[in-house]
Structures are given as C-alpha cells and as structure tokens.
Amino acid sequence: MGTVQTTVIAVRTGGKQVVHDITGHCAGFAGAAAAGGDGLLHVFVPHATAGVAVLELGSGSDDDLLAVLARLLPADDSWRHAHGSLGHGRSHVLPAFVPPYATLPVVGGRLALGTWQSVALVDLNVDNPDRQVRLSFVS
C-alpha cells in the first residue's frame, strides 16, 4: 500500500464569485510530496458551496464559466434553500455541476496537466469569503 501526504491551503475569495487559480499550490505540494516520483494528487474542497475545476484560465474561460453558471444557476429568489444573500441556494447546487474534488496524475514529480489546463477553486457563495482546500498526495 502507498503512502499519503496531506496539507490544507487557505484561499480568500473576497466575498465575490470567483474562479481562483490554485495550480501553483497544487504543483508545489505535489512536487515536494512526490520527490521526483509518480502518484496522484487529490484536490478536495470541504465546503457544500464550492467546487474544483480543471480548465484553461486567463484567456476569458474563467469569466465564461462564471457567465454560464449565472445563466444556469441564477442569483434570484427562486431557490428553496433561501438563507443568506439573494440566490444563496444556487451555491448549494453548484457541486452537482462543478464537483468539490479532482484527482490529477503526478509524473516525475510534476502535475501531468495539459498545456492549457489549470486547477481552480470555483466559488459562487459571496457569504463565505474564506475557503480551505485539502491536497492529498498518494504514492
């Protein structure tokens, strides 16, 4: 059986809808934990209102994702789960579309992401500006 190393990083979203790049944190932890070897990095957000996405960032894709989520999950008063800010219930539905986890290969101590792929925390919940992300490396 392999070994597991884990850490938790704090992410401050600033109380706004965000696609926040955590690739550097993931790559740094995976590189140190792998020590040049191979394994898997599991990224997990222990929140009912956030998710983890692997996508291209910085080219407008992050804004496109937020726009699609706004159309799919509008910030209005139609949600049964209705405490907090207007549309808060949509944040609780988000993990069904953007899951709270991703598992990534690590090869030779490096994340085996595609050329344009990044790892991002996706958070629509403006009521909770502080998030945690658990990174676990399995070798």
Protein backbone atom coordinates (compact mmCIF):
# COMPACT_ATOMS: atom_id res chain seq x y z
CA MET A 1 0.00 0.00 0.00
CA GLY A 2 1.21 3.51 -0.82
CA THR A 3 1.69 6.46 1.44
CA VAL A 4 -0.50 9.54 1.75
CA GLN A 5 0.71 13.07 2.48
CA THR A 6 -1.77 15.87 3.00
CA THR A 7 -1.96 19.59 3.60
CA VAL A 8 -4.64 22.25 3.73
CA ILE A 9 -4.34 25.60 1.98
CA ALA A 10 -6.43 28.66 2.79
CA VAL A 11 -8.00 30.63 -0.04
CA ARG A 12 -9.59 34.03 0.47
CA THR A 13 -12.18 34.65 -2.23
CA GLY A 14 -13.00 38.17 -1.05
CA GLY A 15 -16.75 37.61 -0.82
CA LYS A 16 -17.31 37.61 -4.58
CA GLN A 17 -18.00 34.98 -7.22
CA VAL A 18 -14.65 33.63 -8.28
CA VAL A 19 -12.71 31.12 -10.30
CA HIS A 20 -9.49 31.19 -8.27
CA ASP A 21 -6.30 29.62 -9.66
CA ILE A 22 -4.74 27.14 -7.21
CA THR A 23 -2.44 25.44 -9.73
CA GLY A 24 0.73 26.80 -8.11
CA HIS A 25 -0.26 25.47 -4.69
CA CYS A 26 -1.14 22.09 -6.20
CA ALA A 27 2.09 21.86 -8.22
CA GLY A 28 4.25 22.94 -5.28
CA PHE A 29 2.74 20.46 -2.87
CA ALA A 30 2.73 17.61 -5.41
CA GLY A 31 6.35 18.27 -6.36
CA ALA A 32 7.54 18.23 -2.76
CA ALA A 33 5.43 15.21 -1.80
CA ALA A 34 6.39 13.19 -4.90
CA ALA A 35 10.12 13.91 -4.53
CA GLY A 36 10.60 13.19 -8.24
CA GLY A 37 8.30 10.17 -8.24
CA ASP A 38 4.84 9.33 -9.53
CA GLY A 39 1.45 9.31 -7.84
CA LEU A 40 -1.89 11.02 -7.64
CA LEU A 41 -2.84 14.42 -6.26
CA HIS A 42 -6.36 14.62 -4.90
CA VAL A 43 -7.77 18.13 -4.51
CA PHE A 44 -10.84 18.45 -2.25
CA VAL A 45 -12.89 21.44 -1.10
CA PRO A 46 -14.67 20.59 2.18
CA HIS A 47 -17.49 23.05 1.55
CA ALA A 48 -21.10 22.49 0.44
CA THR A 49 -20.98 25.55 -1.81
CA ALA A 50 -17.75 25.34 -3.82
CA GLY A 51 -16.12 23.13 -6.41
CA VAL A 52 -12.85 22.30 -8.14
CA ALA A 53 -12.45 22.65 -11.91
CA VAL A 54 -9.67 21.80 -14.32
CA LEU A 55 -9.81 24.27 -17.20
CA GLU A 56 -7.92 26.94 -19.08
CA LEU A 57 -7.60 30.16 -17.09
CA GLY A 58 -6.62 33.69 -18.01
CA SER A 59 -7.98 33.65 -21.56
CA GLY A 60 -11.54 34.52 -20.63
CA SER A 61 -12.57 30.94 -19.84
CA ASP A 62 -12.88 31.77 -16.13
CA ASP A 63 -15.29 34.63 -16.93
CA ASP A 64 -17.12 32.37 -19.40
CA LEU A 65 -17.56 29.73 -16.69
CA LEU A 66 -19.00 32.30 -14.28
CA ALA A 67 -21.34 33.56 -17.03
CA VAL A 68 -22.59 30.05 -17.82
CA LEU A 69 -23.12 29.32 -14.13
CA ALA A 70 -25.03 32.62 -13.73
CA ARG A 71 -27.39 31.57 -16.55
CA LEU A 72 -27.73 28.01 -15.29
CA LEU A 73 -27.92 28.91 -11.59
CA PRO A 74 -29.36 32.46 -11.37
CA ALA A 75 -28.84 34.59 -8.27
CA ASP A 76 -32.55 35.19 -7.70
CA ASP A 77 -35.30 34.31 -5.23
CA SER A 78 -36.36 31.05 -6.94
CA TRP A 79 -34.34 28.78 -4.63
CA ARG A 80 -35.95 26.82 -1.78
CA HIS A 81 -32.69 26.94 0.15
CA ALA A 82 -33.07 30.66 0.78
CA HIS A 83 -31.00 31.94 3.70
CA GLY A 84 -28.10 34.34 3.19
CA SER A 85 -27.65 36.53 0.14
CA LEU A 86 -30.07 36.51 -2.79
CA GLY A 87 -29.64 33.28 -4.73
CA HIS A 88 -27.62 31.57 -1.99
CA GLY A 89 -29.41 28.29 -2.74
CA ARG A 90 -27.64 28.10 -6.10
CA SER A 91 -24.31 27.79 -4.29
CA HIS A 92 -25.58 24.58 -2.71
CA VAL A 93 -26.44 23.18 -6.15
CA LEU A 94 -23.06 24.16 -7.66
CA PRO A 95 -21.21 20.97 -6.53
CA ALA A 96 -23.58 18.88 -8.68
CA PHE A 97 -22.14 20.70 -11.73
CA VAL A 98 -18.62 21.54 -10.52
CA PRO A 99 -17.67 18.74 -8.12
CA PRO A 100 -15.81 19.50 -4.88
CA TYR A 101 -12.83 17.37 -5.95
CA ALA A 102 -10.39 16.49 -8.71
CA THR A 103 -7.73 13.79 -8.94
CA LEU A 104 -4.65 14.60 -11.01
CA PRO A 105 -1.73 12.43 -12.13
CA VAL A 106 1.76 13.32 -10.96
CA VAL A 107 4.58 12.01 -13.15
CA GLY A 108 8.23 12.53 -12.32
CA GLY A 109 7.29 14.92 -9.52
CA ARG A 110 5.21 17.18 -11.77
CA LEU A 111 1.49 17.59 -12.28
CA ALA A 112 0.62 15.95 -15.61
CA LEU A 113 -1.71 18.73 -16.75
CA GLY A 114 -2.26 19.55 -20.39
CA THR A 115 -0.66 22.64 -21.89
CA TRP A 116 -3.60 24.96 -21.15
CA GLN A 117 -5.02 23.23 -18.07
CA SER A 118 -5.09 24.82 -14.64
CA VAL A 119 -6.71 23.85 -11.33
CA ALA A 120 -9.25 26.29 -9.92
CA LEU A 121 -11.49 26.74 -6.91
CA VAL A 122 -14.96 27.73 -8.17
CA ASP A 123 -17.00 29.63 -5.60
CA LEU A 124 -20.32 31.41 -6.14
CA ASN A 125 -21.01 31.86 -2.41
CA VAL A 126 -20.49 35.54 -1.61
CA ASP A 127 -21.42 34.90 2.04
CA ASN A 128 -18.25 32.92 2.83
CA PRO A 129 -15.01 34.64 1.78
CA ASP A 130 -12.66 32.11 3.42
CA ARG A 131 -12.17 28.64 1.96
CA GLN A 132 -9.97 25.65 2.61
CA VAL A 133 -8.64 23.22 0.02
CA ARG A 134 -7.22 19.86 1.11
CA LEU A 135 -4.41 18.50 -1.05
CA SER A 136 -3.55 14.81 -0.66
CA PHE A 137 -0.73 13.06 -2.48
CA VAL A 138 -0.87 9.29 -2.83
CA SER A 139 2.22 7.41 -3.99
